[in-house]
Amino acid sequence: MKNLFTLLLLSIFLFSCQQKKDNTISITPATPIVKEKKKEENKQIGDTIFMNFKNEKNIFIADGSLDSLNSKVYIKFKNENLSELKAEILPATGKGNIRFNQILFPDKTSDGPFGMDLKMPLKQKGTYILVIGHSLMADNPYYGKFNVQLEIK
């Protein structure tokens, strides 16, 4: 029995001595991380489009859509100078019952309705809101995609 116990301890000792521990550290050359510049664009989130980015022609451009859930789209933009606003709606189908229903000024007053084009002086500094929807005076409300362009001069 003693011999069996000694033999068992000896085999465990030999087995444990044969295992090698790998302590090597491999170093791989670091590859440079290139961050891709994200294209800045104005997107519709829910029923609102925040006009934060101008294109190279200094014009705010955004794609939006009207559907049965979002029958109005709100365009928010800031004006820091006394200037003039030129705005245009371009429906994807070319024509449609869609227009600028209203403009809300920073002092909470409003004006409207307008058509698919809008040209007016901006006499206040602050956040403006344009409301886009279909005309309630006409048949066939517009549902679908459109493009809106704002130029502030």
Protein backbone atom coordinates (compact mmCIF):
# COMPACT_ATOMS: atom_id res chain seq x y z
CA MET A 1 0.00 0.00 0.00
CA LYS A 2 2.89 2.29 0.81
CA ASN A 3 4.42 1.51 -2.56
CA LEU A 4 1.19 2.34 -4.33
CA PHE A 5 0.93 5.69 -2.50
CA THR A 6 4.56 6.53 -3.31
CA LEU A 7 4.03 5.60 -6.94
CA LEU A 8 0.98 7.82 -7.11
CA LEU A 9 2.80 10.82 -5.60
CA LEU A 10 5.77 10.27 -7.89
CA SER A 11 3.57 10.21 -11.01
CA ILE A 12 1.76 13.41 -9.95
CA PHE A 13 5.11 15.11 -9.34
CA LEU A 14 6.46 14.09 -12.75
CA PHE A 15 3.28 15.10 -14.51
CA SER A 16 3.25 18.55 -12.89
CA CYS A 17 6.90 19.16 -13.77
CA GLN A 18 6.29 18.54 -17.46
CA GLN A 19 3.65 21.29 -17.86
CA LYS A 20 5.15 24.49 -19.20
CA LYS A 21 3.79 27.87 -18.40
CA ASP A 22 3.79 30.22 -21.40
CA ASN A 23 4.72 33.67 -20.18
CA THR A 24 5.55 35.17 -23.59
CA ILE A 25 3.83 38.38 -24.59
CA SER A 26 3.22 38.91 -28.25
CA ILE A 27 3.24 42.46 -29.49
CA THR A 28 1.47 43.23 -32.71
CA PRO A 29 2.03 46.51 -34.46
CA ALA A 30 -0.82 48.93 -33.85
CA THR A 31 -2.89 49.78 -36.86
CA PRO A 32 -3.91 53.41 -36.98
CA ILE A 33 -7.58 53.94 -36.24
CA VAL A 34 -9.11 56.13 -38.88
CA LYS A 35 -12.34 57.72 -37.84
CA GLU A 36 -14.62 58.15 -40.77
CA LYS A 37 -16.06 61.62 -40.83
CA LYS A 38 -19.76 61.33 -40.32
CA LYS A 39 -21.79 63.15 -42.91
CA GLU A 40 -23.65 65.95 -41.24
CA GLU A 41 -27.28 65.99 -42.26
CA ASN A 42 -30.59 67.24 -41.00
CA LYS A 43 -32.92 64.30 -40.28
CA GLN A 44 -36.54 63.99 -39.33
CA ILE A 45 -36.97 62.54 -35.85
CA GLY A 46 -40.61 61.82 -35.17
CA ASP A 47 -42.48 64.86 -36.43
CA THR A 48 -39.58 67.35 -36.12
CA ILE A 49 -36.60 68.25 -38.30
CA PHE A 50 -33.84 70.22 -36.56
CA MET A 51 -31.97 72.31 -39.12
CA ASN A 52 -28.45 72.32 -37.65
CA PHE A 53 -26.20 71.75 -40.67
CA LYS A 54 -25.77 73.81 -43.85
CA ASN A 55 -24.38 72.40 -47.08
CA GLU A 56 -21.50 73.89 -49.07
CA LYS A 57 -23.90 76.41 -50.67
CA ASN A 58 -24.91 77.66 -47.18
CA ILE A 59 -28.41 76.14 -47.49
CA PHE A 60 -30.25 73.97 -44.97
CA ILE A 61 -31.56 70.83 -46.73
CA ALA A 62 -33.54 67.96 -45.21
CA ASP A 63 -35.70 65.04 -46.29
CA GLY A 64 -38.97 64.50 -44.48
CA SER A 65 -42.17 62.56 -44.81
CA LEU A 66 -45.81 63.03 -44.01
CA ASP A 67 -47.95 60.03 -43.11
CA SER A 68 -51.18 59.32 -41.28
CA LEU A 69 -49.38 59.42 -37.90
CA ASN A 70 -47.36 62.58 -38.62
CA SER A 71 -49.74 64.77 -40.62
CA LYS A 72 -47.60 67.81 -39.75
CA VAL A 73 -43.83 68.20 -39.70
CA TYR A 74 -42.12 70.92 -37.67
CA ILE A 75 -38.93 72.50 -39.02
CA LYS A 76 -36.85 74.18 -36.28
CA PHE A 77 -34.00 76.53 -37.06
CA LYS A 78 -32.14 79.34 -35.33
CA ASN A 79 -31.57 82.82 -36.67
CA GLU A 80 -28.91 85.01 -35.10
CA ASN A 81 -29.06 88.00 -37.48
CA LEU A 82 -31.69 90.14 -39.09
CA SER A 83 -32.03 88.45 -42.45
CA GLU A 84 -34.38 87.07 -45.07
CA LEU A 85 -35.74 83.52 -45.26
CA LYS A 86 -36.30 81.72 -48.53
CA ALA A 87 -37.91 78.30 -48.06
CA GLU A 88 -39.14 75.70 -50.52
CA ILE A 89 -40.88 72.31 -50.33
CA LEU A 90 -40.18 69.79 -53.09
CA PRO A 91 -42.52 66.76 -52.96
CA ALA A 92 -41.03 63.47 -54.20
CA THR A 93 -43.92 63.08 -56.65
CA GLY A 94 -43.42 66.58 -58.09
CA LYS A 95 -46.81 67.98 -57.09
CA GLY A 96 -49.05 67.43 -54.11
CA ASN A 97 -51.28 68.99 -51.50
CA ILE A 98 -48.43 70.10 -49.23
CA ARG A 99 -47.52 73.58 -48.02
CA PHE A 100 -46.04 75.72 -45.27
CA ASN A 101 -49.05 75.98 -42.96
CA GLN A 102 -47.52 78.35 -40.44
CA ILE A 103 -44.38 80.04 -39.15
CA LEU A 104 -43.93 80.50 -35.41
CA PHE A 105 -41.67 83.39 -34.45
CA PRO A 106 -39.37 83.48 -31.40
CA ASP A 107 -41.80 85.82 -29.58
CA LYS A 108 -44.53 83.13 -29.93
CA THR A 109 -46.50 85.01 -32.61
CA SER A 110 -47.32 83.29 -35.90
CA ASP A 111 -48.18 83.90 -39.53
CA GLY A 112 -49.56 81.74 -42.32
CA PRO A 113 -50.72 79.86 -44.29
CA PHE A 114 -48.32 79.97 -47.22
CA GLY A 115 -47.71 77.85 -50.31
CA MET A 116 -44.87 75.53 -51.26
CA ASP A 117 -42.55 78.58 -51.40
CA LEU A 118 -41.97 81.09 -48.66
CA LYS A 119 -40.03 84.35 -48.66
CA MET A 120 -40.09 86.66 -45.67
CA PRO A 121 -37.85 88.88 -43.56
CA LEU A 122 -36.65 87.51 -40.22
CA LYS A 123 -36.80 90.48 -37.85
CA GLN A 124 -36.16 88.59 -34.61
CA LYS A 125 -33.27 86.59 -33.21
CA GLY A 126 -34.02 83.15 -31.84
CA THR A 127 -35.64 79.84 -32.78
CA TYR A 128 -38.20 79.75 -35.56
CA ILE A 129 -40.57 76.87 -36.31
CA LEU A 130 -42.06 76.18 -39.75
CA VAL A 131 -45.11 73.90 -39.82
CA ILE A 132 -45.49 71.77 -42.97
CA GLY A 133 -48.71 69.92 -43.71
CA HIS A 134 -51.47 69.61 -46.26
CA SER A 135 -54.06 72.24 -47.02
CA LEU A 136 -57.33 71.55 -45.24
CA MET A 137 -59.12 73.51 -47.98
CA ALA A 138 -58.14 71.00 -50.68
CA ASP A 139 -58.87 67.33 -51.25
CA ASN A 140 -56.37 64.46 -51.15
CA PRO A 141 -53.95 65.18 -48.32
CA TYR A 142 -50.31 64.55 -49.24
CA TYR A 143 -48.67 61.48 -47.72
CA GLY A 144 -45.12 60.65 -48.70
CA LYS A 145 -41.60 61.97 -48.86
CA PHE A 146 -40.54 65.53 -49.54
CA ASN A 147 -37.43 67.71 -49.50
CA VAL A 148 -37.30 71.06 -47.74
CA GLN A 149 -34.69 73.76 -48.36
CA LEU A 150 -34.07 76.87 -46.27
CA GLU A 151 -31.79 79.70 -47.22
CA ILE A 152 -31.14 82.50 -44.78
CA LYS A 153 -29.49 85.58 -46.30
